[in-house]
């Protein structure tokens, strides 16, 4: 039932912007808890990559005295990957189009992460 509620939050998030292509809630150890991914994207791979990048971001922020990590943003030729904590035990990962309006997506992702944290 919790997975259904998480999926509902993700579906709503994906519907807030046509620029959002996929989203998932991943445990900090890399296990997919819920996702709204297009066909062809492997849940396990998305989970593992998200956990690895967030761990590296945490370490980088600490080592370079940047404070507590808030988010990791990856920009590629085909779009963005945004990762942010959703509570202490989960990560919200969002994939967006290359021409996405990031300011709006950041706001929507922050709200979704708060909702997810409340559910967990």
PDB file of N, CA and C in Angstrom:
ATOM      1  N   UNK A   1       0.814  -1.184   0.000  1.00  0.00           N
ATOM      2  CA  UNK A   1       0.000   0.000   0.000  1.00  0.00           C
ATOM      3  C   UNK A   1       0.868   1.262   0.000  1.00  0.00           C
ATOM      4  N   UNK A   2       1.976   1.248   0.752  1.00  0.00           N
ATOM      5  CA  UNK A   2       2.879   2.396   0.762  1.00  0.00           C
ATOM      6  C   UNK A   2       3.451   2.639  -0.630  1.00  0.00           C
ATOM      7  N   UNK A   3       3.761   1.568  -1.341  1.00  0.00           N
ATOM      8  CA  UNK A   3       4.288   1.710  -2.703  1.00  0.00           C
ATOM      9  C   UNK A   3       3.271   2.399  -3.600  1.00  0.00           C
ATOM     10  N   UNK A   4       1.987   2.087  -3.417  1.00  0.00           N
ATOM     11  CA  UNK A   4       0.937   2.736  -4.207  1.00  0.00           C
ATOM     12  C   UNK A   4       0.878   4.229  -3.920  1.00  0.00           C
ATOM     13  N   UNK A   5       1.032   4.590  -2.653  1.00  0.00           N
ATOM     14  CA  UNK A   5       1.005   6.006  -2.279  1.00  0.00           C
ATOM     15  C   UNK A   5       2.230   6.738  -2.834  1.00  0.00           C
ATOM     16  N   UNK A   6       3.377   6.091  -2.808  1.00  0.00           N
ATOM     17  CA  UNK A   6       4.581   6.688  -3.386  1.00  0.00           C
ATOM     18  C   UNK A   6       4.432   6.854  -4.900  1.00  0.00           C
ATOM     19  N   UNK A   7       3.885   5.836  -5.548  1.00  0.00           N
ATOM     20  CA  UNK A   7       3.660   5.903  -6.989  1.00  0.00           C
ATOM     21  C   UNK A   7       2.701   7.030  -7.332  1.00  0.00           C
ATOM     22  N   UNK A   8       1.707   7.242  -6.489  1.00  0.00           N
ATOM     23  CA  UNK A   8       0.760   8.333  -6.693  1.00  0.00           C
ATOM     24  C   UNK A   8       1.464   9.693  -6.644  1.00  0.00           C
ATOM     25  N   UNK A   9       2.358   9.864  -5.683  1.00  0.00           N
ATOM     26  CA  UNK A   9       3.125  11.115  -5.585  1.00  0.00           C
ATOM     27  C   UNK A   9       3.979  11.302  -6.840  1.00  0.00           C
ATOM     28  N   UNK A  10       4.608  10.230  -7.309  1.00  0.00           N
ATOM     29  CA  UNK A  10       5.449  10.309  -8.504  1.00  0.00           C
ATOM     30  C   UNK A  10       4.634  10.620  -9.752  1.00  0.00           C
ATOM     31  N   UNK A  11       3.474  10.005  -9.862  1.00  0.00           N
ATOM     32  CA  UNK A  11       2.606  10.259 -11.010  1.00  0.00           C
ATOM     33  C   UNK A  11       2.172  11.721 -11.034  1.00  0.00           C
ATOM     34  N   UNK A  12       1.837  12.242  -9.858  1.00  0.00           N
ATOM     35  CA  UNK A  12       1.464  13.656  -9.765  1.00  0.00           C
ATOM     36  C   UNK A  12       2.646  14.551 -10.133  1.00  0.00           C
ATOM     37  N   UNK A  13       3.840  14.205  -9.647  1.00  0.00           N
ATOM     38  CA  UNK A  13       5.039  14.972  -9.978  1.00  0.00           C
ATOM     39  C   UNK A  13       5.273  14.974 -11.486  1.00  0.00           C
ATOM     40  N   UNK A  14       5.211  13.810 -12.104  1.00  0.00           N
ATOM     41  CA  UNK A  14       5.440  13.723 -13.548  1.00  0.00           C
ATOM     42  C   UNK A  14       4.405  14.529 -14.322  1.00  0.00           C
ATOM     43  N   UNK A  15       3.204  14.649 -13.774  1.00  0.00           N
ATOM     44  CA  UNK A  15       2.147  15.399 -14.443  1.00  0.00           C
ATOM     45  C   UNK A  15       2.268  16.903 -14.289  1.00  0.00           C
ATOM     46  N   UNK A  16       3.114  17.380 -13.361  1.00  0.00           N
ATOM     47  CA  UNK A  16       3.240  18.819 -13.141  1.00  0.00           C
ATOM     48  C   UNK A  16       3.965  19.523 -14.278  1.00  0.00           C
ATOM     49  N   UNK A  17       4.774  18.782 -15.031  1.00  0.00           N
ATOM     50  CA  UNK A  17       5.544  19.387 -16.116  1.00  0.00           C
ATOM     51  C   UNK A  17       5.743  18.376 -17.236  1.00  0.00           C
ATOM     52  N   UNK A  18       5.546  18.840 -18.454  1.00  0.00           N
ATOM     53  CA  UNK A  18       5.796  17.981 -19.613  1.00  0.00           C
ATOM     54  C   UNK A  18       7.291  17.715 -19.773  1.00  0.00           C
ATOM     55  N   UNK A  19       8.111  18.489 -19.062  1.00  0.00           N
ATOM     56  CA  UNK A  19       9.563  18.321 -19.147  1.00  0.00           C
ATOM     57  C   UNK A  19      10.072  17.146 -18.322  1.00  0.00           C
ATOM     58  N   UNK A  20       9.282  16.682 -17.348  1.00  0.00           N
ATOM     59  CA  UNK A  20       9.693  15.546 -16.523  1.00  0.00           C
ATOM     60  C   UNK A  20       9.357  14.260 -17.261  1.00  0.00           C
ATOM     61  N   UNK A  21      10.369  13.436 -17.477  1.00  0.00           N
ATOM     62  CA  UNK A  21      10.209  12.209 -18.239  1.00  0.00           C
ATOM     63  C   UNK A  21      10.095  10.968 -17.366  1.00  0.00           C
ATOM     64  N   UNK A  22      10.669  10.994 -16.173  1.00  0.00           N
ATOM     65  CA  UNK A  22      10.683   9.814 -15.307  1.00  0.00           C
ATOM     66  C   UNK A  22      10.996  10.233 -13.887  1.00  0.00           C
ATOM     67  N   UNK A  23      10.572   9.398 -12.935  1.00  0.00           N
ATOM     68  CA  UNK A  23      10.900   9.661 -11.538  1.00  0.00           C
ATOM     69  C   UNK A  23      10.878   8.351 -10.758  1.00  0.00           C
ATOM     70  N   UNK A  24      11.601   8.362  -9.649  1.00  0.00           N
ATOM     71  CA  UNK A  24      11.629   7.172  -8.809  1.00  0.00           C
ATOM     72  C   UNK A  24      12.018   7.516  -7.389  1.00  0.00           C
ATOM     73  N   UNK A  25      11.537   6.709  -6.456  1.00  0.00           N
ATOM     74  CA  UNK A  25      11.929   6.812  -5.055  1.00  0.00           C
ATOM     75  C   UNK A  25      12.812   5.610  -4.771  1.00  0.00           C
ATOM     76  N   UNK A  26      14.014   5.893  -4.296  1.00  0.00           N
ATOM     77  CA  UNK A  26      15.019   4.858  -4.120  1.00  0.00           C
ATOM     78  C   UNK A  26      15.525   4.909  -2.685  1.00  0.00           C
ATOM     79  N   UNK A  27      15.688   3.743  -2.068  1.00  0.00           N
ATOM     80  CA  UNK A  27      16.273   3.714  -0.735  1.00  0.00           C
ATOM     81  C   UNK A  27      17.726   4.145  -0.842  1.00  0.00           C
ATOM     82  N   UNK A  28      18.298   4.634   0.251  1.00  0.00           N
ATOM     83  CA  UNK A  28      19.674   5.122   0.202  1.00  0.00           C
ATOM     84  C   UNK A  28      20.684   4.018  -0.109  1.00  0.00           C
ATOM     85  N   UNK A  29      20.254   2.754   0.001  1.00  0.00           N
ATOM     86  CA  UNK A  29      21.151   1.664  -0.388  1.00  0.00           C
ATOM     87  C   UNK A  29      20.901   1.190  -1.821  1.00  0.00           C
ATOM     88  N   UNK A  30      20.060   1.895  -2.581  1.00  0.00           N
ATOM     89  CA  UNK A  30      19.925   1.645  -4.012  1.00  0.00           C
ATOM     90  C   UNK A  30      18.751   0.789  -4.452  1.00  0.00           C
ATOM     91  N   UNK A  31      17.836   0.451  -3.554  1.00  0.00           N
ATOM     92  CA  UNK A  31      16.678  -0.370  -3.935  1.00  0.00           C
ATOM     93  C   UNK A  31      15.508   0.513  -4.320  1.00  0.00           C
ATOM     94  N   UNK A  32      14.912   0.244  -5.479  1.00  0.00           N
ATOM     95  CA  UNK A  32      13.778   1.020  -5.965  1.00  0.00           C
ATOM     96  C   UNK A  32      12.554   0.728  -5.098  1.00  0.00           C
ATOM     97  N   UNK A  33      11.961   1.769  -4.538  1.00  0.00           N
ATOM     98  CA  UNK A  33      10.763   1.638  -3.714  1.00  0.00           C
ATOM     99  C   UNK A  33       9.497   1.873  -4.535  1.00  0.00           C
ATOM    100  N   UNK A  34       9.557   2.791  -5.478  1.00  0.00           N
ATOM    101  CA  UNK A  34       8.439   3.094  -6.373  1.00  0.00           C
ATOM    102  C   UNK A  34       9.006   3.867  -7.556  1.00  0.00           C
ATOM    103  N   UNK A  35       8.370   3.716  -8.715  1.00  0.00           N
ATOM    104  CA  UNK A  35       8.884   4.440  -9.877  1.00  0.00           C
ATOM    105  C   UNK A  35       7.786   4.658 -10.910  1.00  0.00           C
ATOM    106  N   UNK A  36       8.012   5.695 -11.692  1.00  0.00           N
ATOM    107  CA  UNK A  36       7.218   5.960 -12.887  1.00  0.00           C
ATOM    108  C   UNK A  36       8.251   6.198 -13.980  1.00  0.00           C
ATOM    109  N   UNK A  37       8.669   5.101 -14.591  1.00  0.00           N
ATOM    110  CA  UNK A  37       9.732   5.129 -15.587  1.00  0.00           C
ATOM    111  C   UNK A  37       9.199   4.700 -16.944  1.00  0.00           C
ATOM    112  N   UNK A  38       9.755   5.261 -18.020  1.00  0.00           N
ATOM    113  CA  UNK A  38       9.352   4.804 -19.353  1.00  0.00           C
ATOM    114  C   UNK A  38       9.909   3.414 -19.634  1.00  0.00           C
ATOM    115  N   UNK A  39       9.291   2.737 -20.577  1.00  0.00           N
ATOM    116  CA  UNK A  39       9.774   1.420 -20.986  1.00  0.00           C
ATOM    117  C   UNK A  39      11.219   1.553 -21.451  1.00  0.00           C
ATOM    118  N   UNK A  40      12.018   0.576 -21.115  1.00  0.00           N
ATOM    119  CA  UNK A  40      13.407   0.584 -21.541  1.00  0.00           C
ATOM    120  C   UNK A  40      14.379   1.057 -20.471  1.00  0.00           C
ATOM    121  N   UNK A  41      13.874   1.702 -19.424  1.00  0.00           N
ATOM    122  CA  UNK A  41      14.743   2.096 -18.318  1.00  0.00           C
ATOM    123  C   UNK A  41      14.672   1.018 -17.248  1.00  0.00           C
ATOM    124  N   UNK A  42      15.809   0.485 -16.881  1.00  0.00           N
ATOM    125  CA  UNK A  42      15.893  -0.585 -15.893  1.00  0.00           C
ATOM    126  C   UNK A  42      15.857  -0.010 -14.484  1.00  0.00           C
ATOM    127  N   UNK A  43      14.855  -0.395 -13.701  1.00  0.00           N
ATOM    128  CA  UNK A  43      14.706   0.093 -12.321  1.00  0.00           C
ATOM    129  C   UNK A  43      15.954  -0.143 -11.488  1.00  0.00           C
ATOM    130  N   UNK A  44      16.514  -1.328 -11.599  1.00  0.00           N
ATOM    131  CA  UNK A  44      17.693  -1.668 -10.792  1.00  0.00           C
ATOM    132  C   UNK A  44      18.883  -0.769 -11.127  1.00  0.00           C
ATOM    133  N   UNK A  45      19.063  -0.495 -12.393  1.00  0.00           N
ATOM    134  CA  UNK A  45      20.176   0.363 -12.818  1.00  0.00           C
ATOM    135  C   UNK A  45      19.960   1.801 -12.325  1.00  0.00           C
ATOM    136  N   UNK A  46      18.740   2.305 -12.463  1.00  0.00           N
ATOM    137  CA  UNK A  46      18.431   3.657 -11.985  1.00  0.00           C
ATOM    138  C   UNK A  46      18.672   3.743 -10.476  1.00  0.00           C
ATOM    139  N   UNK A  47      18.237   2.736  -9.744  1.00  0.00           N
ATOM    140  CA  UNK A  47      18.435   2.713  -8.300  1.00  0.00           C
ATOM    141  C   UNK A  47      19.895   2.700  -7.909  1.00  0.00           C
ATOM    142  N   UNK A  48      20.654   1.841  -8.525  1.00  0.00           N
ATOM    143  CA  UNK A  48      22.079   1.723  -8.203  1.00  0.00           C
ATOM    144  C   UNK A  48      22.840   2.997  -8.549  1.00  0.00           C
ATOM    145  N   UNK A  49      22.563   3.567  -9.710  1.00  0.00           N
ATOM    146  CA  UNK A  49      23.240   4.798 -10.132  1.00  0.00           C
ATOM    147  C   UNK A  49      22.885   5.961  -9.206  1.00  0.00           C
ATOM    148  N   UNK A  50      21.626   6.054  -8.825  1.00  0.00           N
ATOM    149  CA  UNK A  50      21.195   7.138  -7.937  1.00  0.00           C
ATOM    150  C   UNK A  50      21.881   7.043  -6.582  1.00  0.00           C
ATOM    151  N   UNK A  51      21.922   5.855  -6.020  1.00  0.00           N
ATOM    152  CA  UNK A  51      22.567   5.673  -4.716  1.00  0.00           C
ATOM    153  C   UNK A  51      24.058   5.999  -4.800  1.00  0.00           C
ATOM    154  N   UNK A  52      24.702   5.563  -5.864  1.00  0.00           N
ATOM    155  CA  UNK A  52      26.130   5.817  -6.026  1.00  0.00           C
ATOM    156  C   UNK A  52      26.420   7.314  -6.165  1.00  0.00           C
ATOM    157  N   UNK A  53      25.642   8.004  -6.976  1.00  0.00           N
ATOM    158  CA  UNK A  53      25.868   9.429  -7.186  1.00  0.00           C
ATOM    159  C   UNK A  53      25.580  10.235  -5.924  1.00  0.00           C
ATOM    160  N   UNK A  54      24.541   9.866  -5.206  1.00  0.00           N
ATOM    161  CA  UNK A  54      24.220  10.592  -3.983  1.00  0.00           C
ATOM    162  C   UNK A  54      25.309  10.375  -2.926  1.00  0.00           C
ATOM    163  N   UNK A  55      25.816   9.167  -2.837  1.00  0.00           N
ATOM    164  CA  UNK A  55      26.898   8.876  -1.901  1.00  0.00           C
ATOM    165  C   UNK A  55      28.138   9.706  -2.244  1.00  0.00           C
ATOM    166  N   UNK A  56      28.467   9.777  -3.519  1.00  0.00           N
ATOM    167  CA  UNK A  56      29.612  10.572  -3.960  1.00  0.00           C
ATOM    168  C   UNK A  56      29.368  12.058  -3.702  1.00  0.00           C
ATOM    169  N   UNK A  57      28.149  12.517  -3.936  1.00  0.00           N
ATOM    170  CA  UNK A  57      27.810  13.910  -3.657  1.00  0.00           C
ATOM    171  C   UNK A  57      27.942  14.237  -2.181  1.00  0.00           C
ATOM    172  N   UNK A  58      27.472  13.324  -1.320  1.00  0.00           N
ATOM    173  CA  UNK A  58      27.603  13.505   0.131  1.00  0.00           C
ATOM    174  C   UNK A  58      29.068  13.677   0.525  1.00  0.00           C
ATOM    175  N   UNK A  59      29.869  12.771   0.024  1.00  0.00           N
ATOM    176  CA  UNK A  59      31.293  12.800   0.383  1.00  0.00           C
ATOM    177  C   UNK A  59      31.958  14.070  -0.147  1.00  0.00           C
ATOM    178  N   UNK A  60      31.633  14.466  -1.365  1.00  0.00           N
ATOM    179  CA  UNK A  60      32.214  15.677  -1.948  1.00  0.00           C
ATOM    180  C   UNK A  60      31.830  16.910  -1.141  1.00  0.00           C
ATOM    181  N   UNK A  61      30.549  17.022  -0.780  1.00  0.00           N
ATOM    182  CA  UNK A  61      30.096  18.177   0.001  1.00  0.00           C
ATOM    183  C   UNK A  61      30.823  18.253   1.340  1.00  0.00           C
ATOM    184  N   UNK A  62      31.022  17.107   1.980  1.00  0.00           N
ATOM    185  CA  UNK A  62      31.718  17.086   3.267  1.00  0.00           C
ATOM    186  C   UNK A  62      33.196  17.417   3.109  1.00  0.00           C
ATOM    187  N   UNK A  63      33.853  16.763   2.160  1.00  0.00           N
ATOM    188  CA  UNK A  63      35.303  16.949   1.975  1.00  0.00           C
ATOM    189  C   UNK A  63      35.646  18.372   1.558  1.00  0.00           C
ATOM    190  N   UNK A  64      34.770  19.004   0.809  1.00  0.00           N
ATOM    191  CA  UNK A  64      35.043  20.358   0.328  1.00  0.00           C
ATOM    192  C   UNK A  64      34.348  21.427   1.174  1.00  0.00           C
ATOM    193  N   UNK A  65      33.892  21.033   2.353  1.00  0.00           N
ATOM    194  CA  UNK A  65      33.283  21.941   3.325  1.00  0.00           C
ATOM    195  C   UNK A  65      32.146  22.766   2.723  1.00  0.00           C
ATOM    196  N   UNK A  66      31.225  22.073   2.048  1.00  0.00           N
ATOM    197  CA  UNK A  66      30.068  22.735   1.436  1.00  0.00           C
ATOM    198  C   UNK A  66      28.792  22.533   2.243  1.00  0.00           C
ATOM    199  N   UNK A  67      28.899  21.910   3.387  1.00  0.00           N
ATOM    200  CA  UNK A  67      27.721  21.689   4.223  1.00  0.00           C
ATOM    201  C   UNK A  67      26.985  20.422   3.834  1.00  0.00           C
ATOM    202  N   UNK A  68      25.757  20.338   4.283  1.00  0.00           N
ATOM    203  CA  UNK A  68      24.926  19.162   4.013  1.00  0.00           C
ATOM    204  C   UNK A  68      24.470  19.156   2.560  1.00  0.00           C
ATOM    205  N   UNK A  69      24.590  18.019   1.913  1.00  0.00           N
ATOM    206  CA  UNK A  69      24.175  17.881   0.518  1.00  0.00           C
ATOM    207  C   UNK A  69      22.672  18.080   0.392  1.00  0.00           C
ATOM    208  N   UNK A  70      22.259  18.893  -0.570  1.00  0.00           N
ATOM    209  CA  UNK A  70      20.840  19.108  -0.837  1.00  0.00           C
ATOM    210  C   UNK A  70      20.383  18.380  -2.094  1.00  0.00           C
ATOM    211  N   UNK A  71      21.201  18.461  -3.140  1.00  0.00           N
ATOM    212  CA  UNK A  71      20.814  17.787  -4.377  1.00  0.00           C
ATOM    213  C   UNK A  71      22.026  17.553  -5.262  1.00  0.00           C
ATOM    214  N   UNK A  72      21.855  16.634  -6.188  1.00  0.00           N
ATOM    215  CA  UNK A  72      22.858  16.369  -7.207  1.00  0.00           C
ATOM    216  C   UNK A  72      22.171  16.580  -8.549  1.00  0.00           C
ATOM    217  N   UNK A  73      22.794  17.360  -9.419  1.00  0.00           N
ATOM    218  CA  UNK A  73      22.243  17.638 -10.744  1.00  0.00           C
ATOM    219  C   UNK A  73      23.256  17.202 -11.783  1.00  0.00           C
ATOM    220  N   UNK A  74      22.814  16.389 -12.712  1.00  0.00           N
ATOM    221  CA  UNK A  74      23.656  15.927 -13.804  1.00  0.00           C
ATOM    222  C   UNK A  74      23.029  16.425 -15.097  1.00  0.00           C
ATOM    223  N   UNK A  75      23.836  17.081 -15.914  1.00  0.00           N
ATOM    224  CA  UNK A  75      23.350  17.569 -17.199  1.00  0.00           C
ATOM    225  C   UNK A  75      24.065  16.808 -18.306  1.00  0.00           C
ATOM    226  N   UNK A  76      23.273  16.166 -19.146  1.00  0.00           N
ATOM    227  CA  UNK A  76      23.811  15.470 -20.299  1.00  0.00           C
ATOM    228  C   UNK A  76      23.234  16.060 -21.577  1.00  0.00           C
ATOM    229  N   UNK A  77      23.748  15.650 -22.699  1.00  0.00           N
ATOM    230  CA  UNK A  77      23.273  16.170 -23.980  1.00  0.00           C
ATOM    231  C   UNK A  77      21.784  15.877 -24.205  1.00  0.00           C
ATOM    232  N   UNK A  78      21.277  14.819 -23.575  1.00  0.00           N
ATOM    233  CA  UNK A  78      19.884  14.425 -23.795  1.00  0.00           C
ATOM    234  C   UNK A  78      18.970  14.766 -22.618  1.00  0.00           C
ATOM    235  N   UNK A  79      19.502  15.504 -21.634  1.00  0.00           N
ATOM    236  CA  UNK A  79      18.635  15.916 -20.537  1.00  0.00           C
ATOM    237  C   UNK A  79      19.336  15.932 -19.195  1.00  0.00           C
ATOM    238  N   UNK A  80      18.519  16.066 -18.159  1.00  0.00           N
ATOM    239  CA  UNK A  80      18.996  16.212 -16.788  1.00  0.00           C
ATOM    240  C   UNK A  80      18.583  15.027 -15.924  1.00  0.00           C
ATOM    241  N   UNK A  81      19.396  14.783 -14.893  1.00  0.00           N
ATOM    242  CA  UNK A  81      19.034  13.872 -13.815  1.00  0.00           C
ATOM    243  C   UNK A  81      19.203  14.679 -12.531  1.00  0.00           C
ATOM    244  N   UNK A  82      18.147  14.743 -11.735  1.00  0.00           N
ATOM    245  CA  UNK A  82      18.164  15.478 -10.479  1.00  0.00           C
ATOM    246  C   UNK A  82      17.876  14.500  -9.352  1.00  0.00           C
ATOM    247  N   UNK A  83      18.742  14.504  -8.342  1.00  0.00           N
ATOM    248  CA  UNK A  83      18.557  13.635  -7.187  1.00  0.00           C
ATOM    249  C   UNK A  83      18.535  14.478  -5.930  1.00  0.00           C
ATOM    250  N   UNK A  84      17.590  14.188  -5.053  1.00  0.00           N
ATOM    251  CA  UNK A  84      17.487  14.901  -3.790  1.00  0.00           C
ATOM    252  C   UNK A  84      16.981  13.947  -2.720  1.00  0.00           C
ATOM    253  N   UNK A  85      17.376  14.204  -1.485  1.00  0.00           N
ATOM    254  CA  UNK A  85      16.897  13.359  -0.398  1.00  0.00           C
ATOM    255  C   UNK A  85      15.407  13.566  -0.176  1.00  0.00           C
ATOM    256  N   UNK A  86      14.721  12.486   0.150  1.00  0.00           N
ATOM    257  CA  UNK A  86      13.307  12.520   0.528  1.00  0.00           C
ATOM    258  C   UNK A  86      13.246  11.869   1.910  1.00  0.00           C
ATOM    259  N   UNK A  87      13.617  12.621   2.926  1.00  0.00           N
ATOM    260  CA  UNK A  87      13.770  12.062   4.260  1.00  0.00           C
ATOM    261  C   UNK A  87      15.176  11.514   4.427  1.00  0.00           C
ATOM    262  N   UNK A  88      15.379  10.763   5.503  1.00  0.00           N
ATOM    263  CA  UNK A  88      16.709  10.234   5.806  1.00  0.00           C
ATOM    264  C   UNK A  88      17.038   8.945   5.069  1.00  0.00           C
ATOM    265  N   UNK A  89      16.012   8.225   4.629  1.00  0.00           N
ATOM    266  CA  UNK A  89      16.236   6.884   4.094  1.00  0.00           C
ATOM    267  C   UNK A  89      15.913   6.726   2.614  1.00  0.00           C
ATOM    268  N   UNK A  90      15.555   7.826   1.933  1.00  0.00           N
ATOM    269  CA  UNK A  90      15.154   7.691   0.533  1.00  0.00           C
ATOM    270  C   UNK A  90      15.679   8.853  -0.306  1.00  0.00           C
ATOM    271  N   UNK A  91      15.742   8.598  -1.599  1.00  0.00           N
ATOM    272  CA  UNK A  91      16.201   9.560  -2.586  1.00  0.00           C
ATOM    273  C   UNK A  91      15.130   9.674  -3.662  1.00  0.00           C
ATOM    274  N   UNK A  92      14.839  10.900  -4.071  1.00  0.00           N
ATOM    275  CA  UNK A  92      13.941  11.126  -5.204  1.00  0.00           C
ATOM    276  C   UNK A  92      14.809  11.449  -6.404  1.00  0.00           C
ATOM    277  N   UNK A  93      14.675  10.653  -7.452  1.00  0.00           N
ATOM    278  CA  UNK A  93      15.416  10.872  -8.685  1.00  0.00           C
ATOM    279  C   UNK A  93      14.436  11.243  -9.779  1.00  0.00           C
ATOM    280  N   UNK A  94      14.754  12.306 -10.518  1.00  0.00           N
ATOM    281  CA  UNK A  94      13.888  12.798 -11.589  1.00  0.00           C
ATOM    282  C   UNK A  94      14.730  12.982 -12.842  1.00  0.00           C
ATOM    283  N   UNK A  95      14.199  12.547 -13.973  1.00  0.00           N
ATOM    284  CA  UNK A  95      14.846  12.769 -15.258  1.00  0.00           C
ATOM    285  C   UNK A  95      14.012  13.740 -16.065  1.00  0.00           C
ATOM    286  N   UNK A  96      14.687  14.741 -16.662  1.00  0.00           N
ATOM    287  CA  UNK A  96      13.984  15.796 -17.385  1.00  0.00           C
ATOM    288  C   UNK A  96      14.611  16.022 -18.760  1.00  0.00           C
ATOM    289  N   UNK A  97      13.829  16.631 -19.625  1.00  0.00           N
ATOM    290  CA  UNK A  97      14.271  16.936 -20.993  1.00  0.00           C
ATOM    291  C   UNK A  97      15.381  17.992 -20.976  1.00  0.00           C
ATOM    292  N   UNK A  98      16.166  18.055 -22.050  1.00  0.00           N
ATOM    293  CA  UNK A  98      17.289  19.001 -22.074  1.00  0.00           C
ATOM    294  C   UNK A  98      16.872  20.476 -22.047  1.00  0.00           C
ATOM    295  N   UNK A  99      15.673  20.794 -22.505  1.00  0.00           N
ATOM    296  CA  UNK A  99      15.215  22.186 -22.521  1.00  0.00           C
ATOM    297  C   UNK A  99      14.284  22.491 -21.344  1.00  0.00           C
ATOM    298  N   UNK A 100      14.345  21.696 -20.301  1.00  0.00           N
ATOM    299  CA  UNK A 100      13.449  21.818 -19.149  1.00  0.00           C
ATOM    300  C   UNK A 100      13.658  23.137 -18.414  1.00  0.00           C
ATOM    301  N   UNK A 101      12.571  23.645 -17.862  1.00  0.00           N
ATOM    302  CA  UNK A 101      12.616  24.840 -17.010  1.00  0.00           C
ATOM    303  C   UNK A 101      12.977  24.367 -15.594  1.00  0.00           C
ATOM    304  N   UNK A 102      14.243  24.438 -15.275  1.00  0.00           N
ATOM    305  CA  UNK A 102      14.744  23.840 -14.041  1.00  0.00           C
ATOM    306  C   UNK A 102      14.194  24.487 -12.781  1.00  0.00           C
ATOM    307  N   UNK A 103      13.955  25.779 -12.789  1.00  0.00           N
ATOM    308  CA  UNK A 103      13.430  26.444 -11.602  1.00  0.00           C
ATOM    309  C   UNK A 103      12.114  25.837 -11.157  1.00  0.00           C
ATOM    310  N   UNK A 104      11.215  25.612 -12.099  1.00  0.00           N
ATOM    311  CA  UNK A 104       9.922  25.005 -11.778  1.00  0.00           C
ATOM    312  C   UNK A 104      10.085  23.557 -11.348  1.00  0.00           C
ATOM    313  N   UNK A 105      10.980  22.860 -11.993  1.00  0.00           N
ATOM    314  CA  UNK A 105      11.199  21.459 -11.640  1.00  0.00           C
ATOM    315  C   UNK A 105      11.790  21.351 -10.234  1.00  0.00           C
ATOM    316  N   UNK A 106      12.732  22.231  -9.895  1.00  0.00           N
ATOM    317  CA  UNK A 106      13.292  22.222  -8.536  1.00  0.00           C
ATOM    318  C   UNK A 106      12.195  22.400  -7.495  1.00  0.00           C
ATOM    319  N   UNK A 107      11.282  23.317  -7.746  1.00  0.00           N
ATOM    320  CA  UNK A 107      10.187  23.576  -6.811  1.00  0.00           C
ATOM    321  C   UNK A 107       9.276  22.350  -6.679  1.00  0.00           C
ATOM    322  N   UNK A 108       8.892  21.777  -7.818  1.00  0.00           N
ATOM    323  CA  UNK A 108       8.018  20.595  -7.802  1.00  0.00           C
ATOM    324  C   UNK A 108       8.688  19.407  -7.134  1.00  0.00           C
ATOM    325  N   UNK A 109       9.981  19.231  -7.379  1.00  0.00           N
ATOM    326  CA  UNK A 109      10.726  18.123  -6.785  1.00  0.00           C
ATOM    327  C   UNK A 109      10.831  18.310  -5.275  1.00  0.00           C
ATOM    328  N   UNK A 110      11.055  19.539  -4.831  1.00  0.00           N
ATOM    329  CA  UNK A 110      11.136  19.797  -3.391  1.00  0.00           C
ATOM    330  C   UNK A 110       9.824  19.441  -2.707  1.00  0.00           C
ATOM    331  N   UNK A 111       8.716  19.834  -3.300  1.00  0.00           N
ATOM    332  CA  UNK A 111       7.404  19.522  -2.729  1.00  0.00           C
ATOM    333  C   UNK A 111       7.159  18.008  -2.706  1.00  0.00           C
ATOM    334  N   UNK A 112       7.507  17.344  -3.798  1.00  0.00           N
ATOM    335  CA  UNK A 112       7.307  15.894  -3.868  1.00  0.00           C
ATOM    336  C   UNK A 112       8.185  15.182  -2.838  1.00  0.00           C
ATOM    337  N   UNK A 113       9.429  15.647  -2.675  1.00  0.00           N
ATOM    338  CA  UNK A 113      10.330  15.025  -1.698  1.00  0.00           C
ATOM    339  C   UNK A 113       9.788  15.168  -0.285  1.00  0.00           C
ATOM    340  N   UNK A 114       9.185  16.311   0.025  1.00  0.00           N
ATOM    341  CA  UNK A 114       8.576  16.496   1.344  1.00  0.00           C
ATOM    342  C   UNK A 114       7.396  15.548   1.545  1.00  0.00           C
ATOM    343  N   UNK A 115       6.575  15.384   0.501  1.00  0.00           N
ATOM    344  CA  UNK A 115       5.441  14.451   0.592  1.00  0.00           C
ATOM    345  C   UNK A 115       5.922  13.025   0.793  1.00  0.00           C
ATOM    346  N   UNK A 116       6.970  12.650   0.069  1.00  0.00           N
ATOM    347  CA  UNK A 116       7.527  11.302   0.179  1.00  0.00           C
ATOM    348  C   UNK A 116       8.085  11.087   1.583  1.00  0.00           C
ATOM    349  N   UNK A 117       8.815  12.071   2.104  1.00  0.00           N
ATOM    350  CA  UNK A 117       9.379  11.959   3.442  1.00  0.00           C
ATOM    351  C   UNK A 117       8.265  11.754   4.480  1.00  0.00           C
ATOM    352  N   UNK A 118       7.147  12.440   4.303  1.00  0.00           N
ATOM    353  CA  UNK A 118       6.015  12.281   5.223  1.00  0.00           C
ATOM    354  C   UNK A 118       5.428  10.867   5.155  1.00  0.00           C
ATOM    355  N   UNK A 119       5.433  10.270   3.965  1.00  0.00           N
ATOM    356  CA  UNK A 119       4.885   8.925   3.803  1.00  0.00           C
ATOM    357  C   UNK A 119       5.802   7.863   4.405  1.00  0.00           C
ATOM    358  N   UNK A 120       7.088   8.135   4.399  1.00  0.00           N
ATOM    359  CA  UNK A 120       8.043   7.154   4.900  1.00  0.00           C
ATOM    360  C   UNK A 120       8.255   7.327   6.377  1.00  0.00           C
TER     361      UNK A 120
END
